[in-house]
N, C-alpha and C. Protein backbone atom coordinates (compact mmCIF):
# COMPACT_ATOMS: atom_id res chain seq x y z
N MET A 1 -23.60 6.22 32.84
CA MET A 1 -22.52 7.17 32.47
C MET A 1 -23.22 8.60 32.53
N THR A 2 -22.46 9.66 32.89
CA THR A 2 -23.05 10.93 33.11
C THR A 2 -23.09 11.51 31.82
N LEU A 3 -23.72 12.62 31.67
CA LEU A 3 -23.66 13.08 30.26
C LEU A 3 -22.11 13.39 29.91
N TRP A 4 -21.36 14.07 30.86
CA TRP A 4 -20.07 14.32 30.62
C TRP A 4 -18.96 13.23 30.40
N SER A 5 -19.19 12.31 30.94
CA SER A 5 -18.50 11.02 30.44
C SER A 5 -18.73 10.32 29.34
N GLN A 6 -20.26 10.40 28.93
CA GLN A 6 -20.62 10.06 27.48
C GLN A 6 -19.93 10.79 26.56
N LEU A 7 -19.91 12.10 26.59
CA LEU A 7 -19.24 12.84 25.68
C LEU A 7 -17.75 12.70 25.65
N LEU A 8 -17.00 12.55 26.69
CA LEU A 8 -15.76 12.28 26.65
C LEU A 8 -15.40 11.01 26.11
N TRP A 9 -16.01 9.89 26.74
CA TRP A 9 -15.72 8.50 26.01
C TRP A 9 -16.13 8.47 24.55
N GLY A 10 -17.30 9.09 24.35
CA GLY A 10 -17.76 8.96 22.95
C GLY A 10 -16.77 9.57 21.85
N SER A 11 -16.19 10.99 22.29
CA SER A 11 -15.27 11.51 21.44
C SER A 11 -13.89 10.87 21.36
N ILE A 12 -13.55 10.02 22.52
CA ILE A 12 -12.32 9.41 22.26
C ILE A 12 -12.40 8.18 21.48
N TYR A 13 -13.55 7.56 21.53
CA TYR A 13 -13.71 6.51 20.63
C TYR A 13 -13.77 6.95 19.18
N LEU A 14 -14.56 8.08 19.22
CA LEU A 14 -14.70 8.51 17.70
C LEU A 14 -13.41 9.13 17.12
N SER A 15 -12.43 9.81 18.06
CA SER A 15 -11.09 10.08 17.45
C SER A 15 -10.50 8.86 17.24
N VAL A 16 -10.20 7.83 17.66
CA VAL A 16 -9.57 6.60 17.80
C VAL A 16 -10.01 6.27 16.14
N CYS A 17 -11.41 5.86 16.04
CA CYS A 17 -11.85 5.14 14.80
C CYS A 17 -11.50 5.98 13.60
N LEU A 18 -11.63 7.76 13.79
CA LEU A 18 -11.31 8.42 12.61
C LEU A 18 -9.78 8.51 12.36
N ILE A 19 -8.80 8.27 13.33
CA ILE A 19 -7.49 8.24 13.03
C ILE A 19 -7.21 6.86 12.27
N LEU A 20 -8.02 5.95 12.76
CA LEU A 20 -7.77 4.61 12.21
C LEU A 20 -8.48 4.73 10.68
N GLU A 21 -9.41 5.36 10.36
CA GLU A 21 -9.79 5.65 9.25
C GLU A 21 -8.86 6.35 8.11
N ILE A 22 -8.45 7.38 8.69
CA ILE A 22 -7.34 8.09 7.79
C ILE A 22 -6.26 7.22 7.75
N SER A 23 -5.69 6.64 8.58
CA SER A 23 -4.30 5.69 8.39
C SER A 23 -4.73 4.86 7.46
N VAL A 24 -5.69 4.02 7.38
CA VAL A 24 -6.34 3.23 6.32
C VAL A 24 -6.40 3.50 4.93
N LEU A 25 -6.93 4.75 4.91
CA LEU A 25 -6.95 5.57 3.61
C LEU A 25 -5.49 5.77 2.91
N VAL A 26 -4.68 6.31 3.86
CA VAL A 26 -3.40 6.62 3.49
C VAL A 26 -2.48 5.25 3.16
N TRP A 27 -2.75 4.15 3.89
CA TRP A 27 -2.10 2.86 3.34
C TRP A 27 -2.77 2.58 2.25
N CYS A 28 -4.29 2.68 1.97
CA CYS A 28 -4.95 2.34 0.76
C CYS A 28 -4.38 3.23 -0.62
N ALA A 29 -4.23 4.45 -0.43
CA ALA A 29 -3.23 5.04 -1.35
C ALA A 29 -2.00 4.64 -1.92
N SER A 30 -1.51 4.05 -0.69
CA SER A 30 0.07 3.67 -1.05
C SER A 30 -0.12 2.35 -1.93
N VAL A 31 -1.10 1.55 -1.29
CA VAL A 31 -1.10 0.41 -2.25
C VAL A 31 -1.64 0.33 -3.61
N LEU A 32 -2.55 1.50 -3.69
CA LEU A 32 -3.07 1.66 -4.99
C LEU A 32 -2.32 2.07 -6.09
N ASN A 33 -1.31 3.14 -5.46
CA ASN A 33 -0.24 3.69 -6.20
C ASN A 33 0.72 2.67 -6.68
N LYS A 34 1.14 1.79 -5.70
CA LYS A 34 2.09 0.82 -6.20
C LYS A 34 1.33 -0.38 -7.22
N LEU A 35 0.08 -0.60 -6.93
CA LEU A 35 -0.52 -1.59 -7.80
C LEU A 35 -0.59 -0.96 -9.06
N SER A 36 -1.19 0.40 -9.19
CA SER A 36 -1.47 0.94 -10.53
C SER A 36 -0.09 1.19 -11.32
N ALA A 37 0.86 1.52 -10.43
CA ALA A 37 2.20 1.57 -11.15
C ALA A 37 2.91 0.41 -12.10
N GLY A 38 2.37 -0.85 -11.46
CA GLY A 38 2.61 -1.82 -12.22
C GLY A 38 1.96 -2.29 -13.32
N PHE A 39 1.21 -1.48 -13.81
CA PHE A 39 0.14 -1.68 -15.02
C PHE A 39 0.55 -0.53 -16.04
N ALA A 40 0.75 -0.91 -17.25
CA ALA A 40 1.00 -0.01 -18.13
C ALA A 40 -0.15 0.61 -18.69
N LYS A 41 -0.14 2.24 -18.97
CA LYS A 41 -1.33 2.89 -19.55
C LYS A 41 -1.42 2.79 -20.83
N PRO A 42 -2.43 2.62 -21.34
CA PRO A 42 -3.76 2.71 -20.65
C PRO A 42 -4.20 1.47 -20.07
N TYR A 43 -4.89 1.82 -18.67
CA TYR A 43 -5.38 0.21 -18.36
C TYR A 43 -6.42 -0.40 -18.98
N ARG A 44 -6.23 -1.47 -18.70
CA ARG A 44 -7.44 -2.42 -19.13
C ARG A 44 -8.61 -2.68 -18.18
N ALA A 45 -9.65 -3.00 -18.65
CA ALA A 45 -10.76 -2.93 -17.69
C ALA A 45 -10.54 -3.92 -16.47
N TRP A 46 -9.92 -5.26 -16.56
CA TRP A 46 -9.64 -6.04 -15.57
C TRP A 46 -8.58 -5.37 -14.74
N GLN A 47 -7.70 -4.46 -15.13
CA GLN A 47 -6.77 -3.80 -14.13
C GLN A 47 -7.57 -2.97 -13.28
N LEU A 48 -8.21 -1.91 -13.89
CA LEU A 48 -9.20 -0.87 -13.32
C LEU A 48 -10.01 -1.74 -12.31
N GLY A 49 -10.37 -2.92 -12.67
CA GLY A 49 -11.35 -3.58 -11.73
C GLY A 49 -10.73 -4.17 -10.44
N LEU A 50 -9.26 -4.65 -10.67
CA LEU A 50 -8.56 -5.04 -9.71
C LEU A 50 -8.00 -4.10 -8.64
N ILE A 51 -7.65 -2.69 -9.20
CA ILE A 51 -7.57 -1.80 -8.48
C ILE A 51 -8.72 -1.27 -7.61
N LEU A 52 -9.95 -1.24 -8.04
CA LEU A 52 -11.13 -0.96 -7.46
C LEU A 52 -11.41 -1.98 -6.26
N VAL A 53 -11.27 -3.05 -6.46
CA VAL A 53 -11.48 -4.28 -5.62
C VAL A 53 -10.47 -4.31 -4.54
N ALA A 54 -9.21 -3.69 -4.93
CA ALA A 54 -8.15 -3.63 -3.83
C ALA A 54 -8.56 -2.69 -2.75
N ALA A 55 -9.14 -1.37 -3.36
CA ALA A 55 -9.32 -0.31 -2.64
C ALA A 55 -10.62 -0.70 -1.85
N ILE A 56 -11.73 -1.24 -2.34
CA ILE A 56 -12.92 -1.56 -1.56
C ILE A 56 -12.64 -2.42 -0.41
N PHE A 57 -11.79 -3.51 -0.61
CA PHE A 57 -11.69 -4.39 0.37
C PHE A 57 -10.69 -3.69 1.47
N ILE A 58 -9.76 -3.03 1.11
CA ILE A 58 -9.09 -2.30 2.28
C ILE A 58 -9.91 -1.38 3.18
N ILE A 59 -10.78 -0.66 2.40
CA ILE A 59 -11.75 0.23 3.32
C ILE A 59 -12.49 -0.53 3.94
N LEU A 60 -13.05 -1.54 3.40
CA LEU A 60 -14.08 -2.48 4.10
C LEU A 60 -13.40 -2.86 5.46
N GLY A 61 -11.91 -3.47 5.45
CA GLY A 61 -11.31 -3.78 6.40
C GLY A 61 -11.31 -2.67 7.76
N GLY A 62 -11.18 -1.34 7.08
CA GLY A 62 -11.13 -0.40 8.11
C GLY A 62 -12.41 -0.11 8.83
N HIS A 63 -13.54 -0.15 8.02
CA HIS A 63 -14.65 -0.14 8.49
C HIS A 63 -15.03 -1.19 9.56
N THR A 64 -14.68 -2.63 9.23
CA THR A 64 -15.07 -3.65 10.17
C THR A 64 -14.42 -3.48 11.26
N ALA A 65 -13.20 -3.06 11.25
CA ALA A 65 -12.30 -2.77 12.59
C ALA A 65 -12.76 -1.56 13.64
N GLN A 66 -13.50 -0.60 12.95
CA GLN A 66 -14.12 0.31 13.66
C GLN A 66 -15.57 -0.14 14.08
N VAL A 67 -16.23 -0.94 13.77
CA VAL A 67 -17.33 -1.81 14.37
C VAL A 67 -16.68 -2.82 15.27
N TRP A 68 -15.88 -3.40 15.44
CA TRP A 68 -15.25 -4.13 16.42
C TRP A 68 -14.66 -3.13 17.57
N ILE A 69 -14.09 -2.03 17.27
CA ILE A 69 -13.81 -0.99 18.36
C ILE A 69 -15.04 -0.71 18.99
N TRP A 70 -16.24 -0.29 18.17
CA TRP A 70 -17.39 0.03 19.04
C TRP A 70 -17.96 -0.94 19.86
N SER A 71 -17.97 -2.37 19.30
CA SER A 71 -18.43 -3.32 19.85
C SER A 71 -17.90 -3.36 21.17
N ALA A 72 -16.34 -3.35 21.31
CA ALA A 72 -15.63 -3.46 22.50
C ALA A 72 -15.84 -2.23 23.67
N ALA A 73 -16.16 -1.18 22.96
CA ALA A 73 -16.36 -0.23 23.94
C ALA A 73 -17.91 -0.33 24.54
N PHE A 74 -18.83 -1.03 23.87
CA PHE A 74 -20.16 -1.45 24.41
C PHE A 74 -19.97 -2.50 25.80
N VAL A 75 -19.14 -3.52 25.29
CA VAL A 75 -18.92 -4.44 26.20
C VAL A 75 -18.25 -4.09 27.21
N LEU A 76 -17.02 -3.03 27.10
CA LEU A 76 -16.33 -2.67 28.29
C LEU A 76 -17.06 -1.80 29.24
N VAL A 77 -18.05 -0.95 28.72
CA VAL A 77 -18.91 -0.07 29.65
C VAL A 77 -19.98 -0.64 30.28
N GLY A 78 -20.37 -2.08 29.72
CA GLY A 78 -21.41 -2.76 30.20
C GLY A 78 -22.76 -2.57 29.63
N ALA A 79 -22.68 -1.72 28.63
CA ALA A 79 -23.92 -1.44 28.11
C ALA A 79 -24.55 -2.66 27.50
N ILE A 80 -23.73 -3.77 26.93
CA ILE A 80 -24.26 -4.91 26.31
C ILE A 80 -23.45 -5.97 26.86
N ASP A 81 -24.08 -7.07 27.12
CA ASP A 81 -23.40 -8.20 28.00
C ASP A 81 -22.70 -9.02 27.05
N ASP A 82 -23.17 -9.63 25.84
CA ASP A 82 -22.58 -10.53 24.94
C ASP A 82 -22.12 -9.81 23.81
N TRP A 83 -20.97 -10.51 23.19
CA TRP A 83 -20.32 -9.91 21.96
C TRP A 83 -21.44 -9.97 20.71
N ASN A 84 -21.93 -10.72 20.63
CA ASN A 84 -22.98 -11.14 19.51
C ASN A 84 -23.92 -9.98 19.29
N THR A 85 -24.45 -9.67 20.46
CA THR A 85 -25.30 -8.44 20.58
C THR A 85 -24.75 -6.98 20.25
N ALA A 86 -23.35 -6.94 21.02
CA ALA A 86 -22.52 -5.88 20.85
C ALA A 86 -22.00 -5.44 19.38
N VAL A 87 -21.64 -6.74 18.50
CA VAL A 87 -21.36 -6.41 17.27
C VAL A 87 -22.62 -6.22 16.24
N TYR A 88 -23.78 -6.70 16.70
CA TYR A 88 -25.13 -6.51 15.76
C TYR A 88 -25.33 -5.06 15.98
N PHE A 89 -25.29 -4.64 17.22
CA PHE A 89 -25.81 -3.23 17.68
C PHE A 89 -24.68 -2.37 17.12
N SER A 90 -23.54 -2.53 17.27
CA SER A 90 -22.50 -1.83 16.60
C SER A 90 -22.51 -1.51 15.14
N LEU A 91 -22.76 -2.68 14.55
CA LEU A 91 -23.11 -2.75 13.19
C LEU A 91 -24.19 -1.82 12.67
N ALA A 92 -25.21 -2.02 13.27
CA ALA A 92 -26.79 -1.45 12.86
C ALA A 92 -26.46 0.31 13.10
N THR A 93 -25.81 0.42 14.57
CA THR A 93 -25.66 1.90 14.76
C THR A 93 -24.53 2.49 13.81
N TYR A 94 -23.55 1.91 13.52
CA TYR A 94 -22.34 2.69 12.83
C TYR A 94 -22.85 2.86 11.36
N THR A 95 -23.68 2.02 10.70
CA THR A 95 -24.39 2.15 9.35
C THR A 95 -25.50 3.06 9.43
N THR A 96 -25.93 3.60 10.50
CA THR A 96 -26.95 4.40 10.98
C THR A 96 -28.46 3.66 10.35
N LEU A 97 -28.30 2.46 10.50
CA LEU A 97 -29.56 1.65 9.93
C LEU A 97 -30.53 1.69 11.25
N GLY A 98 -29.84 1.27 12.28
CA GLY A 98 -30.78 1.46 13.76
C GLY A 98 -32.19 0.76 13.86
N TYR A 99 -32.00 -0.58 13.48
CA TYR A 99 -33.48 -1.19 13.49
C TYR A 99 -34.40 -0.75 14.65
N GLY A 100 -33.75 -0.68 16.22
CA GLY A 100 -34.48 -0.30 17.08
C GLY A 100 -34.97 -1.50 18.05
N ASP A 101 -34.44 -2.87 17.79
CA ASP A 101 -34.77 -3.89 18.27
C ASP A 101 -33.82 -4.01 19.48
N VAL A 102 -32.56 -3.53 19.60
CA VAL A 102 -31.71 -3.22 20.77
C VAL A 102 -31.49 -1.93 20.97
N VAL A 103 -31.81 -1.69 22.18
CA VAL A 103 -31.78 -0.20 22.70
C VAL A 103 -31.14 -0.13 24.00
N LEU A 104 -30.08 0.98 23.91
CA LEU A 104 -29.50 1.40 25.27
C LEU A 104 -30.47 2.23 26.10
N GLY A 105 -30.10 1.86 27.54
CA GLY A 105 -30.75 2.75 28.44
C GLY A 105 -30.47 4.33 28.27
N PRO A 106 -30.99 5.15 28.81
CA PRO A 106 -30.94 6.57 29.08
C PRO A 106 -29.51 6.94 29.17
N ALA A 107 -28.74 6.25 30.08
CA ALA A 107 -27.47 6.58 30.57
C ALA A 107 -26.28 6.28 29.47
N LEU A 108 -26.70 5.76 28.32
CA LEU A 108 -25.83 5.51 27.40
C LEU A 108 -26.22 5.81 26.06
N ARG A 109 -27.36 6.46 25.77
CA ARG A 109 -27.91 6.77 24.54
C ARG A 109 -26.94 7.84 23.62
N ILE A 110 -26.36 8.70 24.42
CA ILE A 110 -25.34 9.78 23.75
C ILE A 110 -24.14 9.04 23.40
N PHE A 111 -23.65 8.15 24.14
CA PHE A 111 -22.42 7.39 24.03
C PHE A 111 -22.66 6.58 22.67
N ALA A 112 -23.91 5.91 22.54
CA ALA A 112 -24.11 5.19 21.34
C ALA A 112 -24.24 6.00 20.09
N ALA A 113 -24.69 7.15 20.22
CA ALA A 113 -24.85 8.04 19.00
C ALA A 113 -23.48 8.45 18.53
N PHE A 114 -22.52 8.46 19.31
CA PHE A 114 -21.28 8.68 18.65
C PHE A 114 -20.67 7.40 17.81
N ALA A 115 -21.20 6.24 18.03
CA ALA A 115 -21.04 5.39 16.86
C ALA A 115 -21.64 5.62 15.71
N ALA A 116 -22.80 6.20 15.67
CA ALA A 116 -23.47 6.46 14.33
C ALA A 116 -22.74 7.94 13.80
N VAL A 117 -22.31 8.80 14.62
CA VAL A 117 -21.43 9.74 13.89
C VAL A 117 -20.05 9.27 13.48
N THR A 118 -19.45 8.30 14.10
CA THR A 118 -18.38 7.56 13.56
C THR A 118 -18.57 6.93 12.32
N GLY A 119 -19.69 6.19 11.94
CA GLY A 119 -20.06 5.63 10.65
C GLY A 119 -20.18 6.80 9.58
N LEU A 120 -20.83 7.90 10.09
CA LEU A 120 -21.24 9.01 9.11
C LEU A 120 -20.02 9.43 8.40
N PHE A 121 -18.99 9.89 9.39
CA PHE A 121 -17.80 10.23 8.94
C PHE A 121 -16.92 9.46 8.36
N GLY A 122 -16.96 8.08 8.60
CA GLY A 122 -15.91 7.22 8.10
C GLY A 122 -16.49 6.94 6.57
N PHE A 123 -17.71 6.82 6.46
CA PHE A 123 -18.28 6.43 5.05
C PHE A 123 -18.22 7.63 4.10
N GLY A 124 -18.36 8.79 4.66
CA GLY A 124 -18.11 10.09 4.10
C GLY A 124 -16.81 10.25 3.54
N ILE A 125 -15.91 10.15 4.71
CA ILE A 125 -14.64 10.13 4.04
C ILE A 125 -14.05 9.29 3.15
N SER A 126 -14.51 7.96 3.23
CA SER A 126 -14.27 6.75 2.18
C SER A 126 -14.78 7.17 1.02
N THR A 127 -16.12 7.50 0.81
CA THR A 127 -16.53 7.85 -0.41
C THR A 127 -15.92 8.85 -1.20
N ALA A 128 -15.56 9.91 -0.26
CA ALA A 128 -14.60 10.79 -0.85
C ALA A 128 -13.43 10.35 -1.79
N PHE A 129 -12.79 9.62 -0.77
CA PHE A 129 -11.47 8.69 -1.26
C PHE A 129 -11.74 8.05 -2.46
N LEU A 130 -12.89 7.23 -2.45
CA LEU A 130 -13.06 6.40 -3.64
C LEU A 130 -13.33 7.31 -4.95
N VAL A 131 -13.97 8.34 -4.62
CA VAL A 131 -14.63 8.90 -5.98
C VAL A 131 -13.08 9.74 -6.44
N SER A 132 -12.44 10.39 -5.66
CA SER A 132 -11.19 10.96 -6.02
C SER A 132 -10.56 9.92 -6.63
N ALA A 133 -9.74 8.65 -5.81
CA ALA A 133 -8.93 7.68 -6.55
C ALA A 133 -9.55 7.17 -8.01
N MET A 134 -10.84 6.84 -7.82
CA MET A 134 -11.24 6.33 -9.21
C MET A 134 -11.18 7.53 -10.35
N GLY A 135 -11.66 8.70 -9.91
CA GLY A 135 -11.53 9.88 -11.09
C GLY A 135 -10.25 9.97 -11.61
N ARG A 136 -9.34 9.97 -10.86
CA ARG A 136 -7.90 10.02 -11.27
C ARG A 136 -7.57 8.84 -12.03
N LEU A 137 -7.83 7.55 -11.76
CA LEU A 137 -7.61 6.57 -12.60
C LEU A 137 -8.33 6.60 -13.95
N PHE A 138 -9.64 7.01 -13.91
CA PHE A 138 -9.98 6.95 -15.37
C PHE A 138 -9.63 8.26 -16.00
N SER A 139 -9.49 9.32 -15.53
CA SER A 139 -9.14 10.51 -16.27
C SER A 139 -7.83 10.22 -16.67
N GLY A 140 -7.05 9.75 -16.22
CA GLY A 140 -5.39 9.59 -16.52
C GLY A 140 -5.38 8.41 -17.65
N ASN A 141 -6.21 7.44 -17.46
CA ASN A 141 -6.28 6.54 -18.43
C ASN A 141 -6.89 6.82 -20.01
N ASN A 142 -7.72 7.83 -19.82
CA ASN A 142 -8.39 8.46 -21.08
C ASN A 142 -7.61 9.34 -21.78
N GLN A 143 -6.53 9.89 -21.03
CA GLN A 143 -5.75 10.90 -21.78
C GLN A 143 -4.90 10.43 -23.08
N LYS A 144 -4.97 9.21 -23.15
CA LYS A 144 -3.95 8.55 -24.20
C LYS A 144 -4.78 8.43 -25.42
N GLY A 145 -6.22 8.78 -25.26
CA GLY A 145 -7.21 8.75 -26.33
C GLY A 145 -7.69 7.35 -26.79
N ARG A 146 -7.84 6.25 -25.77
CA ARG A 146 -8.08 4.95 -26.15
C ARG A 146 -9.04 4.78 -25.14
N GLU A 147 -10.10 4.15 -25.50
CA GLU A 147 -11.07 3.54 -24.65
C GLU A 147 -10.59 2.38 -23.95
N ILE A 148 -11.29 2.21 -22.57
CA ILE A 148 -10.89 1.20 -21.79
C ILE A 148 -11.25 -0.27 -22.33
N SER A 149 -10.40 -1.05 -22.37
CA SER A 149 -10.87 -2.42 -22.93
C SER A 149 -10.35 -3.37 -22.05
């Protein structure tokens, strides 16, 4: 790939993944609102735990889908031949772990860096969402003057 095609395709895949991330978080907020509306305040500890587990699994599903999108991208452009290596490389790159045991050639390094940027954005947005959601749950729960039990 040329520099410009790496930038173009990397930006496209990054955009698709971020749109997916935002869509997942909007859906997650809807699920959390419906789930928490079914519980009387103040929430019990198991109810808060259930809400948190639901949020984490939904968000984890979104991140997993993004890793698969990048895996498909690496296979489609011919950067990696097999799916096992593509998923492994995508996961290591998306999480910015980057072991370095699978390395792409110079013609695809910039394209691969977009997978890492996608992970940084995705984890940042997810973390902000979880902190905000949990802050609202816990602060709203303690306004009644009772401890979480």
